[in-house]
Amino acid sequence: MKTVKLKAYPRTLEGRSGSKKVRSRGRVPAVIYGKGVPTRTIEVVLKEWITALKEAGAENFMVELTIEGEEAKPCLAFVREAQHHPLSGQLLHLDFHEVDPYEKVTITVPVETVGEAVGVKSGGVLEQVLHKLRVRALPKDLPEVIRIDVSNLNVGQVIHLGDIVPPSGVEILGDKTLPVVAVTMPEVEETTAAPTAAPAPGEVEMIKEKKPVAGAEEETEKGAKKEQQPKAEESEEKAKKK
């Protein structure tokens, strides 16, 4: 992990109003604390802090702080928190956590995959389940990132936490059975046949009108016979009169 150097100055102005005055001078109020060391309020030059960030070029880095007026050697620290204004984004305050160079510390580092999985080449999809891991090591051995080679990963295969080989002197913490990276086949959406369109109401009515009604022919014949019967009786009466 990269270490950047930064100069700090003892802070004499305290409280909210004091912090505003510190910022008005182009500096950032800060505090440094750690195990077995006294908490000190300090301030750093904003431009120097921005330069240190650019030099680090990573999410995780260590800071070698030299505090003006202190005869002790520079202290090694992590940035525990950087507070920004929610609207303007202005840097408001920095928290530094001092560490002992000879004691192991635990931090969270990002996970990156390296290479193209063979399963992806055959149509699979690479899924990264965990994007950050907790590691423990001496400050000098702490990695900026954990890289995982996925070149030999085929479809259906998974790399678990316990499969990762950490850098020398580094311990990866957590459940060893947790999946970190896997290659799966993309899900295929099932297509269902569209239901047959129902006839429009007008069409149904037309079909009903055309559909023969059971017994309709029989009723028609009976009606025809009834109409013919009175005519026959009328013909007989005319014959008698003649």
C-alpha atoms as a PDB file:
ATOM      1  CA  MET A   1       0.000   0.000   0.000  1.00  0.00           C
ATOM      2  CA  LYS A   2       1.240   3.430  -0.913  1.00  0.00           C
ATOM      3  CA  THR A   3       2.304   5.938   1.741  1.00  0.00           C
ATOM      4  CA  VAL A   4       2.156   9.697   1.122  1.00  0.00           C
ATOM      5  CA  LYS A   5       3.795  12.392   3.213  1.00  0.00           C
ATOM      6  CA  LEU A   6       1.795  15.269   4.655  1.00  0.00           C
ATOM      7  CA  LYS A   7       2.650  18.125   6.971  1.00  0.00           C
ATOM      8  CA  ALA A   8       0.251  19.101   9.747  1.00  0.00           C
ATOM      9  CA  TYR A   9       0.082  22.006  12.174  1.00  0.00           C
ATOM     10  CA  PRO A  10      -1.207  22.149  15.766  1.00  0.00           C
ATOM     11  CA  ARG A  11      -4.680  23.679  15.865  1.00  0.00           C
ATOM     12  CA  THR A  12      -5.361  26.471  18.324  1.00  0.00           C
ATOM     13  CA  LEU A  13      -8.822  27.498  17.143  1.00  0.00           C
ATOM     14  CA  GLU A  14     -11.475  25.099  18.420  1.00  0.00           C
ATOM     15  CA  GLY A  15     -15.233  24.770  18.044  1.00  0.00           C
ATOM     16  CA  ARG A  16     -17.475  25.577  15.105  1.00  0.00           C
ATOM     17  CA  SER A  17     -16.386  29.195  14.808  1.00  0.00           C
ATOM     18  CA  GLY A  18     -12.740  28.194  15.107  1.00  0.00           C
ATOM     19  CA  SER A  19     -13.132  25.587  12.340  1.00  0.00           C
ATOM     20  CA  LYS A  20     -14.656  28.216  10.049  1.00  0.00           C
ATOM     21  CA  LYS A  21     -11.657  30.489  10.596  1.00  0.00           C
ATOM     22  CA  VAL A  22      -9.301  27.590   9.843  1.00  0.00           C
ATOM     23  CA  ARG A  23     -11.086  26.918   6.534  1.00  0.00           C
ATOM     24  CA  SER A  24     -11.074  30.603   5.641  1.00  0.00           C
ATOM     25  CA  ARG A  25      -7.258  30.420   5.696  1.00  0.00           C
ATOM     26  CA  GLY A  26      -7.227  27.590   3.154  1.00  0.00           C
ATOM     27  CA  ARG A  27      -6.717  24.857   5.721  1.00  0.00           C
ATOM     28  CA  VAL A  28      -8.727  21.851   6.883  1.00  0.00           C
ATOM     29  CA  PRO A  29      -9.379  21.147  10.588  1.00  0.00           C
ATOM     30  CA  ALA A  30      -8.469  17.599  11.588  1.00  0.00           C
ATOM     31  CA  VAL A  31      -7.931  15.255  14.507  1.00  0.00           C
ATOM     32  CA  ILE A  32      -5.513  12.371  15.013  1.00  0.00           C
ATOM     33  CA  TYR A  33      -6.055   9.576  17.527  1.00  0.00           C
ATOM     34  CA  GLY A  34      -4.995   5.985  18.074  1.00  0.00           C
ATOM     35  CA  LYS A  35      -4.331   3.183  20.516  1.00  0.00           C
ATOM     36  CA  GLY A  36      -2.136   4.315  23.396  1.00  0.00           C
ATOM     37  CA  VAL A  37      -1.561   7.812  21.988  1.00  0.00           C
ATOM     38  CA  PRO A  38      -3.134  11.118  23.023  1.00  0.00           C
ATOM     39  CA  THR A  39      -5.761  12.679  20.756  1.00  0.00           C
ATOM     40  CA  ARG A  40      -4.484  15.819  19.044  1.00  0.00           C
ATOM     41  CA  THR A  41      -6.322  18.491  17.086  1.00  0.00           C
ATOM     42  CA  ILE A  42      -4.433  19.567  13.982  1.00  0.00           C
ATOM     43  CA  GLU A  43      -4.931  21.291  10.646  1.00  0.00           C
ATOM     44  CA  VAL A  44      -3.553  20.633   7.161  1.00  0.00           C
ATOM     45  CA  VAL A  45      -3.196  22.854   4.108  1.00  0.00           C
ATOM     46  CA  LEU A  46      -6.009  22.051   1.668  1.00  0.00           C
ATOM     47  CA  LYS A  47      -3.797  22.300  -1.442  1.00  0.00           C
ATOM     48  CA  GLU A  48      -1.225  19.949   0.107  1.00  0.00           C
ATOM     49  CA  TRP A  49      -3.978  17.482   0.960  1.00  0.00           C
ATOM     50  CA  ILE A  50      -5.290  17.511  -2.620  1.00  0.00           C
ATOM     51  CA  THR A  51      -1.736  16.905  -3.872  1.00  0.00           C
ATOM     52  CA  ALA A  52      -1.388  13.941  -1.490  1.00  0.00           C
ATOM     53  CA  LEU A  53      -4.646  12.448  -2.771  1.00  0.00           C
ATOM     54  CA  LYS A  54      -3.469  12.681  -6.375  1.00  0.00           C
ATOM     55  CA  GLU A  55      -0.151  11.100  -5.441  1.00  0.00           C
ATOM     56  CA  ALA A  56      -1.874   8.202  -3.687  1.00  0.00           C
ATOM     57  CA  GLY A  57      -4.150   7.507  -6.644  1.00  0.00           C
ATOM     58  CA  ALA A  58      -5.999   4.763  -4.765  1.00  0.00           C
ATOM     59  CA  GLU A  59      -8.901   4.298  -2.394  1.00  0.00           C
ATOM     60  CA  ASN A  60      -6.673   2.981   0.392  1.00  0.00           C
ATOM     61  CA  PHE A  61      -3.380   4.597   1.358  1.00  0.00           C
ATOM     62  CA  MET A  62      -1.392   5.532   4.438  1.00  0.00           C
ATOM     63  CA  VAL A  63      -0.305   8.987   5.497  1.00  0.00           C
ATOM     64  CA  GLU A  64       3.015   9.821   7.103  1.00  0.00           C
ATOM     65  CA  LEU A  65       2.158  12.872   9.179  1.00  0.00           C
ATOM     66  CA  THR A  66       4.794  15.296  10.356  1.00  0.00           C
ATOM     67  CA  ILE A  67       3.342  17.655  12.937  1.00  0.00           C
ATOM     68  CA  GLU A  68       5.113  21.001  13.165  1.00  0.00           C
ATOM     69  CA  GLY A  69       6.655  21.650  16.558  1.00  0.00           C
ATOM     70  CA  GLU A  70       6.779  17.979  17.575  1.00  0.00           C
ATOM     71  CA  GLU A  71      10.229  16.500  17.969  1.00  0.00           C
ATOM     72  CA  ALA A  72       8.927  12.951  17.703  1.00  0.00           C
ATOM     73  CA  LYS A  73       9.346  11.117  14.413  1.00  0.00           C
ATOM     74  CA  PRO A  74       6.467  11.279  11.900  1.00  0.00           C
ATOM     75  CA  CYS A  75       3.432   9.182  12.750  1.00  0.00           C
ATOM     76  CA  LEU A  76       1.782   6.651  10.433  1.00  0.00           C
ATOM     77  CA  ALA A  77      -1.973   6.969  10.007  1.00  0.00           C
ATOM     78  CA  PHE A  78      -5.007   6.060   7.924  1.00  0.00           C
ATOM     79  CA  VAL A  79      -7.746   8.459   6.948  1.00  0.00           C
ATOM     80  CA  ARG A  80     -10.643   7.165   8.998  1.00  0.00           C
ATOM     81  CA  GLU A  81     -13.163   9.746   7.787  1.00  0.00           C
ATOM     82  CA  ALA A  82     -13.330  12.744   5.479  1.00  0.00           C
ATOM     83  CA  GLN A  83     -16.365  14.956   6.065  1.00  0.00           C
ATOM     84  CA  HIS A  84     -17.731  17.005   3.156  1.00  0.00           C
ATOM     85  CA  HIS A  85     -20.502  19.575   2.916  1.00  0.00           C
ATOM     86  CA  PRO A  86     -23.615  17.781   1.556  1.00  0.00           C
ATOM     87  CA  LEU A  87     -24.353  20.476  -1.034  1.00  0.00           C
ATOM     88  CA  SER A  88     -21.109  22.208  -1.967  1.00  0.00           C
ATOM     89  CA  GLY A  89     -18.846  19.183  -1.478  1.00  0.00           C
ATOM     90  CA  GLN A  90     -16.356  21.330   0.454  1.00  0.00           C
ATOM     91  CA  LEU A  91     -13.969  19.320   2.644  1.00  0.00           C
ATOM     92  CA  LEU A  92     -14.922  20.157   6.235  1.00  0.00           C
ATOM     93  CA  HIS A  93     -12.899  17.849   8.495  1.00  0.00           C
ATOM     94  CA  LEU A  94     -10.431  14.939   8.487  1.00  0.00           C
ATOM     95  CA  ASP A  95     -10.069  12.106  10.997  1.00  0.00           C
ATOM     96  CA  PHE A  96      -6.670  10.359  11.091  1.00  0.00           C
ATOM     97  CA  HIS A  97      -6.207   7.031  12.875  1.00  0.00           C
ATOM     98  CA  GLU A  98      -2.617   6.551  14.002  1.00  0.00           C
ATOM     99  CA  VAL A  99      -1.287   2.975  13.864  1.00  0.00           C
ATOM    100  CA  ASP A 100       1.749   1.166  15.222  1.00  0.00           C
ATOM    101  CA  PRO A 101       4.015   0.035  12.352  1.00  0.00           C
ATOM    102  CA  TYR A 102       4.672  -3.199  14.255  1.00  0.00           C
ATOM    103  CA  GLU A 103       1.058  -4.122  15.019  1.00  0.00           C
ATOM    104  CA  LYS A 104      -1.371  -5.742  12.600  1.00  0.00           C
ATOM    105  CA  VAL A 105      -4.395  -3.714  11.551  1.00  0.00           C
ATOM    106  CA  THR A 106      -7.673  -4.619   9.844  1.00  0.00           C
ATOM    107  CA  ILE A 107      -8.986  -2.661   6.872  1.00  0.00           C
ATOM    108  CA  THR A 108     -11.406  -3.123   3.966  1.00  0.00           C
ATOM    109  CA  VAL A 109      -9.954  -3.320   0.457  1.00  0.00           C
ATOM    110  CA  PRO A 110     -11.633  -3.512  -2.973  1.00  0.00           C
ATOM    111  CA  VAL A 111     -11.706  -6.689  -5.103  1.00  0.00           C
ATOM    112  CA  GLU A 112     -10.738  -6.673  -8.784  1.00  0.00           C
ATOM    113  CA  THR A 113     -10.945  -9.494 -11.332  1.00  0.00           C
ATOM    114  CA  VAL A 114      -8.114 -10.154 -13.780  1.00  0.00           C
ATOM    115  CA  GLY A 115      -8.385 -11.890 -17.160  1.00  0.00           C
ATOM    116  CA  GLU A 116     -11.345 -13.117 -19.201  1.00  0.00           C
ATOM    117  CA  ALA A 117     -13.061 -16.263 -17.955  1.00  0.00           C
ATOM    118  CA  VAL A 118     -13.291 -19.174 -20.416  1.00  0.00           C
ATOM    119  CA  GLY A 119     -16.937 -19.472 -19.436  1.00  0.00           C
ATOM    120  CA  VAL A 120     -17.580 -15.939 -20.650  1.00  0.00           C
ATOM    121  CA  LYS A 121     -16.014 -16.779 -24.012  1.00  0.00           C
ATOM    122  CA  SER A 122     -18.516 -19.622 -24.388  1.00  0.00           C
ATOM    123  CA  GLY A 123     -21.521 -17.422 -23.643  1.00  0.00           C
ATOM    124  CA  GLY A 124     -21.554 -17.261 -19.848  1.00  0.00           C
ATOM    125  CA  VAL A 125     -21.787 -14.186 -17.642  1.00  0.00           C
ATOM    126  CA  LEU A 126     -19.230 -13.225 -14.976  1.00  0.00           C
ATOM    127  CA  GLU A 127     -20.933 -12.292 -11.711  1.00  0.00           C
ATOM    128  CA  GLN A 128     -18.953 -10.618  -8.927  1.00  0.00           C
ATOM    129  CA  VAL A 129     -20.736 -11.204  -5.634  1.00  0.00           C
ATOM    130  CA  LEU A 130     -18.296  -9.476  -3.266  1.00  0.00           C
ATOM    131  CA  HIS A 131     -16.668  -6.177  -4.191  1.00  0.00           C
ATOM    132  CA  LYS A 132     -14.783  -5.585  -0.929  1.00  0.00           C
ATOM    133  CA  LEU A 133     -12.938  -7.824   1.543  1.00  0.00           C
ATOM    134  CA  ARG A 134     -11.630  -7.347   5.070  1.00  0.00           C
ATOM    135  CA  VAL A 135      -7.930  -8.076   5.445  1.00  0.00           C
ATOM    136  CA  ARG A 136      -5.483  -8.057   8.341  1.00  0.00           C
ATOM    137  CA  ALA A 137      -1.741  -7.403   8.154  1.00  0.00           C
ATOM    138  CA  LEU A 138       1.106  -5.202   9.303  1.00  0.00           C
ATOM    139  CA  PRO A 139       0.843  -1.687   7.827  1.00  0.00           C
ATOM    140  CA  LYS A 140       3.792  -2.337   5.502  1.00  0.00           C
ATOM    141  CA  ASP A 141       2.109  -5.470   4.082  1.00  0.00           C
ATOM    142  CA  LEU A 142      -1.396  -4.101   3.564  1.00  0.00           C
ATOM    143  CA  PRO A 143      -2.559  -4.352  -0.077  1.00  0.00           C
ATOM    144  CA  GLU A 144      -4.336  -1.582  -1.955  1.00  0.00           C
ATOM    145  CA  VAL A 145      -6.581  -4.140  -3.668  1.00  0.00           C
ATOM    146  CA  ILE A 146      -7.148  -7.910  -3.843  1.00  0.00           C
ATOM    147  CA  ARG A 147      -6.919  -9.170  -7.439  1.00  0.00           C
ATOM    148  CA  ILE A 148      -8.495 -12.471  -8.511  1.00  0.00           C
ATOM    149  CA  ASP A 149      -7.506 -14.261 -11.723  1.00  0.00           C
ATOM    150  CA  VAL A 150     -10.697 -15.602 -13.337  1.00  0.00           C
ATOM    151  CA  SER A 151      -9.136 -16.816 -16.606  1.00  0.00           C
ATOM    152  CA  ASN A 152      -9.773 -20.520 -15.884  1.00  0.00           C
ATOM    153  CA  LEU A 153     -13.288 -20.042 -14.512  1.00  0.00           C
ATOM    154  CA  ASN A 154     -15.854 -22.001 -16.533  1.00  0.00           C
ATOM    155  CA  VAL A 155     -19.640 -21.902 -16.614  1.00  0.00           C
ATOM    156  CA  GLY A 156     -21.057 -23.169 -13.327  1.00  0.00           C
ATOM    157  CA  GLN A 157     -17.807 -22.654 -11.411  1.00  0.00           C
ATOM    158  CA  VAL A 158     -17.428 -20.409  -8.356  1.00  0.00           C
ATOM    159  CA  ILE A 159     -14.454 -18.856  -6.567  1.00  0.00           C
ATOM    160  CA  HIS A 160     -15.089 -18.806  -2.826  1.00  0.00           C
ATOM    161  CA  LEU A 161     -13.406 -16.677  -0.191  1.00  0.00           C
ATOM    162  CA  GLY A 162     -11.299 -19.652   0.879  1.00  0.00           C
ATOM    163  CA  ASP A 163     -10.005 -20.123  -2.686  1.00  0.00           C
ATOM    164  CA  ILE A 164      -8.287 -16.731  -2.797  1.00  0.00           C
ATOM    165  CA  VAL A 165      -4.533 -16.768  -2.209  1.00  0.00           C
ATOM    166  CA  PRO A 166      -3.691 -13.513  -0.371  1.00  0.00           C
ATOM    167  CA  PRO A 167      -0.397 -11.636  -0.728  1.00  0.00           C
ATOM    168  CA  SER A 168       2.419 -12.575   1.617  1.00  0.00           C
ATOM    169  CA  GLY A 169       1.756 -11.497   5.205  1.00  0.00           C
ATOM    170  CA  VAL A 170      -1.939 -10.803   4.554  1.00  0.00           C
ATOM    171  CA  GLU A 171      -4.899 -12.639   6.085  1.00  0.00           C
ATOM    172  CA  ILE A 172      -8.327 -12.479   4.456  1.00  0.00           C
ATOM    173  CA  LEU A 173     -11.089 -12.398   7.058  1.00  0.00           C
ATOM    174  CA  GLY A 174     -14.606 -13.785   6.765  1.00  0.00           C
ATOM    175  CA  ASP A 175     -16.543 -16.970   6.024  1.00  0.00           C
ATOM    176  CA  LYS A 176     -14.408 -19.064   3.669  1.00  0.00           C
ATOM    177  CA  THR A 177     -17.502 -20.534   1.992  1.00  0.00           C
ATOM    178  CA  LEU A 178     -18.773 -17.166   0.766  1.00  0.00           C
ATOM    179  CA  PRO A 179     -18.920 -16.917  -3.044  1.00  0.00           C
ATOM    180  CA  VAL A 180     -16.846 -14.079  -4.475  1.00  0.00           C
ATOM    181  CA  VAL A 181     -16.964 -14.580  -8.255  1.00  0.00           C
ATOM    182  CA  ALA A 182     -18.964 -16.993 -10.441  1.00  0.00           C
ATOM    183  CA  VAL A 183     -19.742 -17.659 -14.100  1.00  0.00           C
ATOM    184  CA  THR A 184     -23.361 -18.433 -14.929  1.00  0.00           C
ATOM    185  CA  MET A 185     -25.374 -18.871 -18.090  1.00  0.00           C
ATOM    186  CA  PRO A 186     -27.733 -16.003 -18.902  1.00  0.00           C
ATOM    187  CA  GLU A 187     -31.366 -16.724 -18.164  1.00  0.00           C
ATOM    188  CA  VAL A 188     -33.488 -17.342 -21.253  1.00  0.00           C
ATOM    189  CA  GLU A 189     -36.960 -15.852 -21.080  1.00  0.00           C
ATOM    190  CA  GLU A 190     -39.691 -18.356 -21.918  1.00  0.00           C
ATOM    191  CA  THR A 191     -41.957 -17.204 -24.745  1.00  0.00           C
ATOM    192  CA  THR A 192     -45.599 -18.346 -24.535  1.00  0.00           C
ATOM    193  CA  ALA A 193     -47.837 -18.594 -27.604  1.00  0.00           C
ATOM    194  CA  ALA A 194     -50.266 -15.729 -27.891  1.00  0.00           C
ATOM    195  CA  PRO A 195     -53.888 -16.816 -27.188  1.00  0.00           C
ATOM    196  CA  THR A 196     -56.205 -17.029 -30.186  1.00  0.00           C
ATOM    197  CA  ALA A 197     -57.988 -13.746 -30.580  1.00  0.00           C
ATOM    198  CA  ALA A 198     -61.664 -13.933 -29.625  1.00  0.00           C
ATOM    199  CA  PRO A 199     -64.125 -12.896 -32.341  1.00  0.00           C
ATOM    200  CA  ALA A 200     -65.481  -9.411 -32.132  1.00  0.00           C
ATOM    201  CA  PRO A 201     -68.970  -9.059 -30.610  1.00  0.00           C
ATOM    202  CA  GLY A 202     -70.460  -8.224 -34.013  1.00  0.00           C
ATOM    203  CA  GLU A 203     -68.994 -11.353 -35.525  1.00  0.00           C
ATOM    204  CA  VAL A 204     -70.396 -13.518 -32.760  1.00  0.00           C
ATOM    205  CA  GLU A 205     -73.843 -12.047 -33.344  1.00  0.00           C
ATOM    206  CA  MET A 206     -73.611 -12.721 -37.048  1.00  0.00           C
ATOM    207  CA  ILE A 207     -72.645 -16.310 -36.397  1.00  0.00           C
ATOM    208  CA  LYS A 208     -75.600 -16.664 -34.041  1.00  0.00           C
ATOM    209  CA  GLU A 209     -77.939 -15.358 -36.689  1.00  0.00           C
ATOM    210  CA  LYS A 210     -76.581 -17.792 -39.267  1.00  0.00           C
ATOM    211  CA  LYS A 211     -76.554 -20.764 -36.920  1.00  0.00           C
ATOM    212  CA  PRO A 212     -79.577 -23.033 -37.468  1.00  0.00           C
ATOM    213  CA  VAL A 213     -81.762 -23.461 -34.415  1.00  0.00           C
ATOM    214  CA  ALA A 214     -82.555 -27.014 -33.417  1.00  0.00           C
ATOM    215  CA  GLY A 215     -86.087 -27.985 -34.532  1.00  0.00           C
ATOM    216  CA  ALA A 216     -86.531 -24.893 -36.636  1.00  0.00           C
ATOM    217  CA  GLU A 217     -87.197 -26.886 -39.847  1.00  0.00           C
ATOM    218  CA  GLU A 218     -89.777 -29.029 -38.077  1.00  0.00           C
ATOM    219  CA  GLU A 219     -91.639 -25.985 -36.769  1.00  0.00           C
ATOM    220  CA  THR A 220     -91.584 -24.471 -40.252  1.00  0.00           C
ATOM    221  CA  GLU A 221     -93.143 -27.582 -41.799  1.00  0.00           C
ATOM    222  CA  LYS A 222     -95.878 -27.658 -39.136  1.00  0.00           C
ATOM    223  CA  GLY A 223     -96.655 -24.011 -39.777  1.00  0.00           C
ATOM    224  CA  ALA A 224     -96.908 -24.688 -43.510  1.00  0.00           C
ATOM    225  CA  LYS A 225     -99.377 -27.564 -42.938  1.00  0.00           C
ATOM    226  CA  LYS A 226    -101.532 -25.366 -40.699  1.00  0.00           C
ATOM    227  CA  GLU A 227    -101.705 -22.729 -43.414  1.00  0.00           C
ATOM    228  CA  GLN A 228    -102.670 -25.312 -46.053  1.00  0.00           C
ATOM    229  CA  GLN A 229    -105.442 -26.948 -43.953  1.00  0.00           C
ATOM    230  CA  PRO A 230    -107.940 -24.009 -43.964  1.00  0.00           C
ATOM    231  CA  LYS A 231    -107.563 -23.691 -47.748  1.00  0.00           C
ATOM    232  CA  ALA A 232    -108.474 -27.360 -48.229  1.00  0.00           C
ATOM    233  CA  GLU A 233    -111.657 -27.046 -46.099  1.00  0.00           C
ATOM    234  CA  GLU A 234    -112.663 -23.935 -48.073  1.00  0.00           C
ATOM    235  CA  SER A 235    -112.364 -25.857 -51.365  1.00  0.00           C
ATOM    236  CA  GLU A 236    -114.663 -28.658 -50.107  1.00  0.00           C
ATOM    237  CA  GLU A 237    -117.421 -26.164 -49.123  1.00  0.00           C
ATOM    238  CA  LYS A 238    -117.339 -24.561 -52.570  1.00  0.00           C
ATOM    239  CA  ALA A 239    -117.680 -27.968 -54.215  1.00  0.00           C
ATOM    240  CA  LYS A 240    -120.871 -28.798 -52.180  1.00  0.00           C
ATOM    241  CA  LYS A 241    -122.527 -25.528 -53.161  1.00  0.00           C
ATOM    242  CA  LYS A 242    -121.962 -26.257 -56.802  1.00  0.00           C
END
